[in-house]
């Protein structure tokens, strides 16, 4: 049976990994620390699909999520990858 890539579904927003260099610039521009960003669980289906594409993603990495909206255009959100967010 073929595996379904959730990132290809039209209702799933675009997820991408933020590079370490870009991470520093992002946190400086937002004037926050990484600890203040919302979390995303490693067991999230979008993260699992992203890891199949780019390989293992370490905890503490920042994920960029771009949500499209017919009224607002698009919005960018950031989440920090963490194991066991919902324990």
PDB file of N, CA and C in Angstrom:
ATOM      1  N   UNK A   1       0.832  -1.166   0.000  1.00  0.00           N
ATOM      2  CA  UNK A   1       0.000   0.000   0.000  1.00  0.00           C
ATOM      3  C   UNK A   1       0.893   1.252   0.000  1.00  0.00           C
ATOM      4  N   UNK A   2       0.587   2.220  -0.845  1.00  0.00           N
ATOM      5  CA  UNK A   2       1.373   3.442  -0.944  1.00  0.00           C
ATOM      6  C   UNK A   2       1.097   4.353   0.243  1.00  0.00           C
ATOM      7  N   UNK A   3       2.148   5.029   0.705  1.00  0.00           N
ATOM      8  CA  UNK A   3       1.989   5.974   1.814  1.00  0.00           C
ATOM      9  C   UNK A   3       1.484   7.303   1.278  1.00  0.00           C
ATOM     10  N   UNK A   4       0.651   7.959   2.060  1.00  0.00           N
ATOM     11  CA  UNK A   4       0.092   9.247   1.685  1.00  0.00           C
ATOM     12  C   UNK A   4       0.919  10.356   2.319  1.00  0.00           C
ATOM     13  N   UNK A   5       1.374  11.305   1.526  1.00  0.00           N
ATOM     14  CA  UNK A   5       2.135  12.443   2.030  1.00  0.00           C
ATOM     15  C   UNK A   5       1.151  13.560   2.374  1.00  0.00           C
ATOM     16  N   UNK A   6       0.961  13.834   3.660  1.00  0.00           N
ATOM     17  CA  UNK A   6      -0.022  14.836   4.083  1.00  0.00           C
ATOM     18  C   UNK A   6       0.354  16.230   3.600  1.00  0.00           C
ATOM     19  N   UNK A   7       1.635  16.486   3.344  1.00  0.00           N
ATOM     20  CA  UNK A   7       2.049  17.811   2.895  1.00  0.00           C
ATOM     21  C   UNK A   7       1.541  18.130   1.499  1.00  0.00           C
ATOM     22  N   UNK A   8       1.127  17.123   0.759  1.00  0.00           N
ATOM     23  CA  UNK A   8       0.600  17.319  -0.594  1.00  0.00           C
ATOM     24  C   UNK A   8      -0.895  17.645  -0.587  1.00  0.00           C
ATOM     25  N   UNK A   9      -1.556  17.482   0.542  1.00  0.00           N
ATOM     26  CA  UNK A   9      -3.000  17.726   0.615  1.00  0.00           C
ATOM     27  C   UNK A   9      -3.268  19.232   0.596  1.00  0.00           C
ATOM     28  N   UNK A  10      -4.294  19.650  -0.108  1.00  0.00           N
ATOM     29  CA  UNK A  10      -4.586  21.076  -0.264  1.00  0.00           C
ATOM     30  C   UNK A  10      -4.979  21.774   1.041  1.00  0.00           C
ATOM     31  N   UNK A  11      -5.447  21.034   2.029  1.00  0.00           N
ATOM     32  CA  UNK A  11      -5.875  21.632   3.294  1.00  0.00           C
ATOM     33  C   UNK A  11      -4.742  21.738   4.328  1.00  0.00           C
ATOM     34  N   UNK A  12      -3.587  21.144   4.030  1.00  0.00           N
ATOM     35  CA  UNK A  12      -2.447  21.175   4.962  1.00  0.00           C
ATOM     36  C   UNK A  12      -1.539  22.335   4.565  1.00  0.00           C
ATOM     37  N   UNK A  13      -1.260  23.254   5.488  1.00  0.00           N
ATOM     38  CA  UNK A  13      -0.379  24.375   5.149  1.00  0.00           C
ATOM     39  C   UNK A  13       1.046  23.909   4.889  1.00  0.00           C
ATOM     40  N   UNK A  14       1.794  24.739   4.193  1.00  0.00           N
ATOM     41  CA  UNK A  14       3.185  24.441   3.869  1.00  0.00           C
ATOM     42  C   UNK A  14       4.025  24.450   5.143  1.00  0.00           C
ATOM     43  N   UNK A  15       4.808  23.407   5.346  1.00  0.00           N
ATOM     44  CA  UNK A  15       5.718  23.291   6.492  1.00  0.00           C
ATOM     45  C   UNK A  15       7.145  23.235   5.948  1.00  0.00           C
ATOM     46  N   UNK A  16       8.047  23.973   6.571  1.00  0.00           N
ATOM     47  CA  UNK A  16       9.453  23.903   6.173  1.00  0.00           C
ATOM     48  C   UNK A  16      10.337  24.129   7.385  1.00  0.00           C
ATOM     49  N   UNK A  17      11.530  23.614   7.308  1.00  0.00           N
ATOM     50  CA  UNK A  17      12.505  23.723   8.389  1.00  0.00           C
ATOM     51  C   UNK A  17      13.267  25.031   8.226  1.00  0.00           C
ATOM     52  N   UNK A  18      13.419  25.783   9.309  1.00  0.00           N
ATOM     53  CA  UNK A  18      14.187  27.028   9.306  1.00  0.00           C
ATOM     54  C   UNK A  18      15.641  26.676   9.600  1.00  0.00           C
ATOM     55  N   UNK A  19      16.557  27.166   8.770  1.00  0.00           N
ATOM     56  CA  UNK A  19      17.977  26.867   8.980  1.00  0.00           C
ATOM     57  C   UNK A  19      18.483  27.560  10.246  1.00  0.00           C
ATOM     58  N   UNK A  20      19.586  27.067  10.793  1.00  0.00           N
ATOM     59  CA  UNK A  20      20.159  27.630  12.018  1.00  0.00           C
ATOM     60  C   UNK A  20      20.541  29.102  11.812  1.00  0.00           C
ATOM     61  N   UNK A  21      21.097  29.430  10.656  1.00  0.00           N
ATOM     62  CA  UNK A  21      21.487  30.811  10.371  1.00  0.00           C
ATOM     63  C   UNK A  21      20.246  31.713  10.309  1.00  0.00           C
ATOM     64  N   UNK A  22      19.225  31.237   9.621  1.00  0.00           N
ATOM     65  CA  UNK A  22      17.977  31.988   9.502  1.00  0.00           C
ATOM     66  C   UNK A  22      17.267  32.096  10.858  1.00  0.00           C
ATOM     67  N   UNK A  23      17.436  31.085  11.687  1.00  0.00           N
ATOM     68  CA  UNK A  23      16.818  31.048  13.017  1.00  0.00           C
ATOM     69  C   UNK A  23      17.268  32.235  13.871  1.00  0.00           C
ATOM     70  N   UNK A  24      18.569  32.516  13.862  1.00  0.00           N
ATOM     71  CA  UNK A  24      19.103  33.641  14.627  1.00  0.00           C
ATOM     72  C   UNK A  24      18.509  34.962  14.154  1.00  0.00           C
ATOM     73  N   UNK A  25      18.450  35.156  12.850  1.00  0.00           N
ATOM     74  CA  UNK A  25      17.896  36.380  12.273  1.00  0.00           C
ATOM     75  C   UNK A  25      16.418  36.516  12.614  1.00  0.00           C
ATOM     76  N   UNK A  26      15.688  35.422  12.541  1.00  0.00           N
ATOM     77  CA  UNK A  26      14.254  35.422  12.834  1.00  0.00           C
ATOM     78  C   UNK A  26      13.989  35.824  14.286  1.00  0.00           C
ATOM     79  N   UNK A  27      14.682  35.189  15.215  1.00  0.00           N
ATOM     80  CA  UNK A  27      14.472  35.484  16.635  1.00  0.00           C
ATOM     81  C   UNK A  27      14.868  36.921  16.975  1.00  0.00           C
ATOM     82  N   UNK A  28      15.915  37.413  16.328  1.00  0.00           N
ATOM     83  CA  UNK A  28      16.336  38.789  16.552  1.00  0.00           C
ATOM     84  C   UNK A  28      15.288  39.760  16.007  1.00  0.00           C
ATOM     85  N   UNK A  29      14.740  39.481  14.828  1.00  0.00           N
ATOM     86  CA  UNK A  29      13.740  40.378  14.226  1.00  0.00           C
ATOM     87  C   UNK A  29      12.418  40.361  15.001  1.00  0.00           C
ATOM     88  N   UNK A  30      12.063  39.213  15.576  1.00  0.00           N
ATOM     89  CA  UNK A  30      10.841  39.123  16.375  1.00  0.00           C
ATOM     90  C   UNK A  30      11.053  39.601  17.816  1.00  0.00           C
ATOM     91  N   UNK A  31      12.326  39.784  18.183  1.00  0.00           N
ATOM     92  CA  UNK A  31      12.714  40.210  19.527  1.00  0.00           C
ATOM     93  C   UNK A  31      12.151  39.290  20.614  1.00  0.00           C
ATOM     94  N   UNK A  32      12.307  37.981  20.376  1.00  0.00           N
ATOM     95  CA  UNK A  32      11.867  36.979  21.347  1.00  0.00           C
ATOM     96  C   UNK A  32      12.914  35.884  21.445  1.00  0.00           C
ATOM     97  N   UNK A  33      12.780  35.041  22.456  1.00  0.00           N
ATOM     98  CA  UNK A  33      13.635  33.864  22.563  1.00  0.00           C
ATOM     99  C   UNK A  33      12.848  32.660  22.037  1.00  0.00           C
ATOM    100  N   UNK A  34      13.559  31.629  21.724  1.00  0.00           N
ATOM    101  CA  UNK A  34      12.937  30.421  21.186  1.00  0.00           C
ATOM    102  C   UNK A  34      11.912  29.824  22.145  1.00  0.00           C
ATOM    103  N   UNK A  35      12.140  29.987  23.435  1.00  0.00           N
ATOM    104  CA  UNK A  35      11.243  29.428  24.452  1.00  0.00           C
ATOM    105  C   UNK A  35       9.840  30.041  24.396  1.00  0.00           C
ATOM    106  N   UNK A  36       9.708  31.221  23.800  1.00  0.00           N
ATOM    107  CA  UNK A  36       8.406  31.890  23.724  1.00  0.00           C
ATOM    108  C   UNK A  36       7.567  31.463  22.514  1.00  0.00           C
ATOM    109  N   UNK A  37       8.176  30.732  21.596  1.00  0.00           N
ATOM    110  CA  UNK A  37       7.419  30.255  20.431  1.00  0.00           C
ATOM    111  C   UNK A  37       6.540  29.065  20.813  1.00  0.00           C
ATOM    112  N   UNK A  38       5.389  28.925  20.155  1.00  0.00           N
ATOM    113  CA  UNK A  38       4.548  27.745  20.407  1.00  0.00           C
ATOM    114  C   UNK A  38       5.276  26.472  19.978  1.00  0.00           C
ATOM    115  N   UNK A  39       4.832  25.354  20.476  1.00  0.00           N
ATOM    116  CA  UNK A  39       5.462  24.056  20.209  1.00  0.00           C
ATOM    117  C   UNK A  39       4.668  23.275  19.164  1.00  0.00           C
ATOM    118  N   UNK A  40       5.371  22.342  18.522  1.00  0.00           N
ATOM    119  CA  UNK A  40       4.722  21.374  17.651  1.00  0.00           C
ATOM    120  C   UNK A  40       5.314  20.018  17.997  1.00  0.00           C
ATOM    121  N   UNK A  41       4.471  19.022  18.083  1.00  0.00           N
ATOM    122  CA  UNK A  41       4.873  17.687  18.513  1.00  0.00           C
ATOM    123  C   UNK A  41       5.546  16.927  17.384  1.00  0.00           C
ATOM    124  N   UNK A  42       6.559  16.162  17.739  1.00  0.00           N
ATOM    125  CA  UNK A  42       7.249  15.317  16.753  1.00  0.00           C
ATOM    126  C   UNK A  42       6.304  14.313  16.094  1.00  0.00           C
ATOM    127  N   UNK A  43       5.216  13.944  16.786  1.00  0.00           N
ATOM    128  CA  UNK A  43       4.265  12.977  16.234  1.00  0.00           C
ATOM    129  C   UNK A  43       3.236  13.601  15.294  1.00  0.00           C
ATOM    130  N   UNK A  44       3.310  14.905  15.076  1.00  0.00           N
ATOM    131  CA  UNK A  44       2.410  15.571  14.132  1.00  0.00           C
ATOM    132  C   UNK A  44       2.633  14.962  12.737  1.00  0.00           C
ATOM    133  N   UNK A  45       1.560  14.609  12.029  1.00  0.00           N
ATOM    134  CA  UNK A  45       1.723  13.992  10.706  1.00  0.00           C
ATOM    135  C   UNK A  45       2.531  14.842   9.718  1.00  0.00           C
ATOM    136  N   UNK A  46       2.405  16.152   9.798  1.00  0.00           N
ATOM    137  CA  UNK A  46       3.173  17.020   8.895  1.00  0.00           C
ATOM    138  C   UNK A  46       4.667  16.945   9.210  1.00  0.00           C
ATOM    139  N   UNK A  47       5.019  16.837  10.473  1.00  0.00           N
ATOM    140  CA  UNK A  47       6.436  16.715  10.861  1.00  0.00           C
ATOM    141  C   UNK A  47       6.990  15.373  10.398  1.00  0.00           C
ATOM    142  N   UNK A  48       6.214  14.319  10.551  1.00  0.00           N
ATOM    143  CA  UNK A  48       6.665  13.002  10.083  1.00  0.00           C
ATOM    144  C   UNK A  48       6.921  13.020   8.582  1.00  0.00           C
ATOM    145  N   UNK A  49       6.032  13.677   7.824  1.00  0.00           N
ATOM    146  CA  UNK A  49       6.207  13.772   6.372  1.00  0.00           C
ATOM    147  C   UNK A  49       7.427  14.627   6.038  1.00  0.00           C
ATOM    148  N   UNK A  50       7.635  15.712   6.773  1.00  0.00           N
ATOM    149  CA  UNK A  50       8.789  16.576   6.553  1.00  0.00           C
ATOM    150  C   UNK A  50      10.090  15.821   6.834  1.00  0.00           C
ATOM    151  N   UNK A  51      10.092  14.974   7.863  1.00  0.00           N
ATOM    152  CA  UNK A  51      11.281  14.176   8.171  1.00  0.00           C
ATOM    153  C   UNK A  51      11.559  13.137   7.089  1.00  0.00           C
ATOM    154  N   UNK A  52      10.535  12.630   6.443  1.00  0.00           N
ATOM    155  CA  UNK A  52      10.751  11.694   5.336  1.00  0.00           C
ATOM    156  C   UNK A  52      11.440  12.385   4.175  1.00  0.00           C
ATOM    157  N   UNK A  53      11.184  13.670   4.011  1.00  0.00           N
ATOM    158  CA  UNK A  53      11.782  14.437   2.917  1.00  0.00           C
ATOM    159  C   UNK A  53      13.190  14.897   3.267  1.00  0.00           C
ATOM    160  N   UNK A  54      13.364  15.490   4.468  1.00  0.00           N
ATOM    161  CA  UNK A  54      14.638  16.129   4.804  1.00  0.00           C
ATOM    162  C   UNK A  54      15.499  15.356   5.793  1.00  0.00           C
ATOM    163  N   UNK A  55      15.010  14.220   6.274  1.00  0.00           N
ATOM    164  CA  UNK A  55      15.774  13.452   7.242  1.00  0.00           C
ATOM    165  C   UNK A  55      15.394  13.843   8.660  1.00  0.00           C
ATOM    166  N   UNK A  56      16.038  13.242   9.667  1.00  0.00           N
ATOM    167  CA  UNK A  56      15.698  13.515  11.063  1.00  0.00           C
ATOM    168  C   UNK A  56      15.867  14.996  11.405  1.00  0.00           C
ATOM    169  N   UNK A  57      14.898  15.527  12.133  1.00  0.00           N
ATOM    170  CA  UNK A  57      14.931  16.923  12.562  1.00  0.00           C
ATOM    171  C   UNK A  57      15.136  16.928  14.079  1.00  0.00           C
ATOM    172  N   UNK A  58      16.181  17.593  14.560  1.00  0.00           N
ATOM    173  CA  UNK A  58      16.437  17.590  16.010  1.00  0.00           C
ATOM    174  C   UNK A  58      15.413  18.423  16.787  1.00  0.00           C
ATOM    175  N   UNK A  59      15.163  18.007  18.029  1.00  0.00           N
ATOM    176  CA  UNK A  59      14.296  18.796  18.908  1.00  0.00           C
ATOM    177  C   UNK A  59      14.872  20.197  19.036  1.00  0.00           C
ATOM    178  N   UNK A  60      14.001  21.179  19.160  1.00  0.00           N
ATOM    179  CA  UNK A  60      14.434  22.567  19.278  1.00  0.00           C
ATOM    180  C   UNK A  60      14.536  23.283  17.947  1.00  0.00           C
ATOM    181  N   UNK A  61      14.347  22.559  16.847  1.00  0.00           N
ATOM    182  CA  UNK A  61      14.371  23.189  15.529  1.00  0.00           C
ATOM    183  C   UNK A  61      13.091  23.993  15.330  1.00  0.00           C
ATOM    184  N   UNK A  62      13.195  25.061  14.545  1.00  0.00           N
ATOM    185  CA  UNK A  62      12.027  25.894  14.263  1.00  0.00           C
ATOM    186  C   UNK A  62      11.431  25.489  12.921  1.00  0.00           C
ATOM    187  N   UNK A  63      10.117  25.329  12.916  1.00  0.00           N
ATOM    188  CA  UNK A  63       9.371  24.963  11.712  1.00  0.00           C
ATOM    189  C   UNK A  63       8.558  26.174  11.274  1.00  0.00           C
ATOM    190  N   UNK A  64       8.664  26.536   9.986  1.00  0.00           N
ATOM    191  CA  UNK A  64       7.865  27.620   9.417  1.00  0.00           C
ATOM    192  C   UNK A  64       6.598  27.014   8.816  1.00  0.00           C
ATOM    193  N   UNK A  65       5.451  27.588   9.159  1.00  0.00           N
ATOM    194  CA  UNK A  65       4.173  27.129   8.620  1.00  0.00           C
ATOM    195  C   UNK A  65       3.538  28.310   7.903  1.00  0.00           C
ATOM    196  N   UNK A  66       3.252  28.144   6.614  1.00  0.00           N
ATOM    197  CA  UNK A  66       2.637  29.200   5.821  1.00  0.00           C
ATOM    198  C   UNK A  66       1.205  28.787   5.514  1.00  0.00           C
ATOM    199  N   UNK A  67       0.272  29.530   6.078  1.00  0.00           N
ATOM    200  CA  UNK A  67      -1.149  29.252   5.875  1.00  0.00           C
ATOM    201  C   UNK A  67      -1.707  30.216   4.843  1.00  0.00           C
ATOM    202  N   UNK A  68      -2.421  29.677   3.864  1.00  0.00           N
ATOM    203  CA  UNK A  68      -3.041  30.505   2.832  1.00  0.00           C
ATOM    204  C   UNK A  68      -4.487  30.772   3.197  1.00  0.00           C
ATOM    205  N   UNK A  69      -4.936  31.994   2.873  1.00  0.00           N
ATOM    206  CA  UNK A  69      -6.294  32.406   3.186  1.00  0.00           C
ATOM    207  C   UNK A  69      -6.844  33.215   2.021  1.00  0.00           C
ATOM    208  N   UNK A  70      -8.106  32.956   1.637  1.00  0.00           N
ATOM    209  CA  UNK A  70      -8.687  33.734   0.535  1.00  0.00           C
ATOM    210  C   UNK A  70      -8.874  35.208   0.903  1.00  0.00           C
ATOM    211  N   UNK A  71      -8.956  35.525   2.179  1.00  0.00           N
ATOM    212  CA  UNK A  71      -9.164  36.911   2.595  1.00  0.00           C
ATOM    213  C   UNK A  71      -7.878  37.603   3.019  1.00  0.00           C
ATOM    214  N   UNK A  72      -6.981  36.893   3.681  1.00  0.00           N
ATOM    215  CA  UNK A  72      -5.757  37.506   4.205  1.00  0.00           C
ATOM    216  C   UNK A  72      -4.534  37.268   3.329  1.00  0.00           C
ATOM    217  N   UNK A  73      -4.653  36.481   2.287  1.00  0.00           N
ATOM    218  CA  UNK A  73      -3.493  36.122   1.469  1.00  0.00           C
ATOM    219  C   UNK A  73      -2.768  34.950   2.094  1.00  0.00           C
ATOM    220  N   UNK A  74      -1.703  35.241   2.842  1.00  0.00           N
ATOM    221  CA  UNK A  74      -1.013  34.168   3.555  1.00  0.00           C
ATOM    222  C   UNK A  74      -0.474  34.704   4.875  1.00  0.00           C
ATOM    223  N   UNK A  75      -0.317  33.806   5.825  1.00  0.00           N
ATOM    224  CA  UNK A  75       0.207  34.134   7.147  1.00  0.00           C
ATOM    225  C   UNK A  75       1.318  33.151   7.474  1.00  0.00           C
ATOM    226  N   UNK A  76       2.367  33.660   8.096  1.00  0.00           N
ATOM    227  CA  UNK A  76       3.496  32.806   8.463  1.00  0.00           C
ATOM    228  C   UNK A  76       3.489  32.623   9.973  1.00  0.00           C
ATOM    229  N   UNK A  77       3.608  31.377  10.394  1.00  0.00           N
ATOM    230  CA  UNK A  77       3.653  31.003  11.802  1.00  0.00           C
ATOM    231  C   UNK A  77       4.920  30.208  12.043  1.00  0.00           C
ATOM    232  N   UNK A  78       5.413  30.241  13.254  1.00  0.00           N
ATOM    233  CA  UNK A  78       6.608  29.482  13.611  1.00  0.00           C
ATOM    234  C   UNK A  78       6.307  28.624  14.825  1.00  0.00           C
ATOM    235  N   UNK A  79       6.834  27.399  14.810  1.00  0.00           N
ATOM    236  CA  UNK A  79       6.676  26.466  15.921  1.00  0.00           C
ATOM    237  C   UNK A  79       8.027  25.830  16.212  1.00  0.00           C
ATOM    238  N   UNK A  80       8.251  25.474  17.470  1.00  0.00           N
ATOM    239  CA  UNK A  80       9.480  24.789  17.866  1.00  0.00           C
ATOM    240  C   UNK A  80       9.165  23.308  18.010  1.00  0.00           C
ATOM    241  N   UNK A  81       9.954  22.476  17.352  1.00  0.00           N
ATOM    242  CA  UNK A  81       9.759  21.030  17.416  1.00  0.00           C
ATOM    243  C   UNK A  81      10.168  20.518  18.786  1.00  0.00           C
ATOM    244  N   UNK A  82       9.287  19.736  19.384  1.00  0.00           N
ATOM    245  CA  UNK A  82       9.557  19.212  20.734  1.00  0.00           C
ATOM    246  C   UNK A  82       8.953  17.833  20.868  1.00  0.00           C
ATOM    247  N   UNK A  83       9.669  16.975  21.530  1.00  0.00           N
ATOM    248  CA  UNK A  83       9.189  15.625  21.819  1.00  0.00           C
ATOM    249  C   UNK A  83       8.225  15.700  22.997  1.00  0.00           C
ATOM    250  N   UNK A  84       7.096  15.044  22.901  1.00  0.00           N
ATOM    251  CA  UNK A  84       6.188  14.905  24.032  1.00  0.00           C
ATOM    252  C   UNK A  84       5.516  16.172  24.487  1.00  0.00           C
ATOM    253  N   UNK A  85       5.110  17.029  23.566  1.00  0.00           N
ATOM    254  CA  UNK A  85       4.441  18.281  23.924  1.00  0.00           C
ATOM    255  C   UNK A  85       3.147  18.007  24.670  1.00  0.00           C
ATOM    256  N   UNK A  86       2.460  16.952  24.289  1.00  0.00           N
ATOM    257  CA  UNK A  86       1.132  16.700  24.837  1.00  0.00           C
ATOM    258  C   UNK A  86       1.113  15.626  25.897  1.00  0.00           C
ATOM    259  N   UNK A  87       2.195  15.409  26.606  1.00  0.00           N
ATOM    260  CA  UNK A  87       2.243  14.406  27.672  1.00  0.00           C
ATOM    261  C   UNK A  87       1.504  14.877  28.885  1.00  0.00           C
TER     262      UNK A  87
END
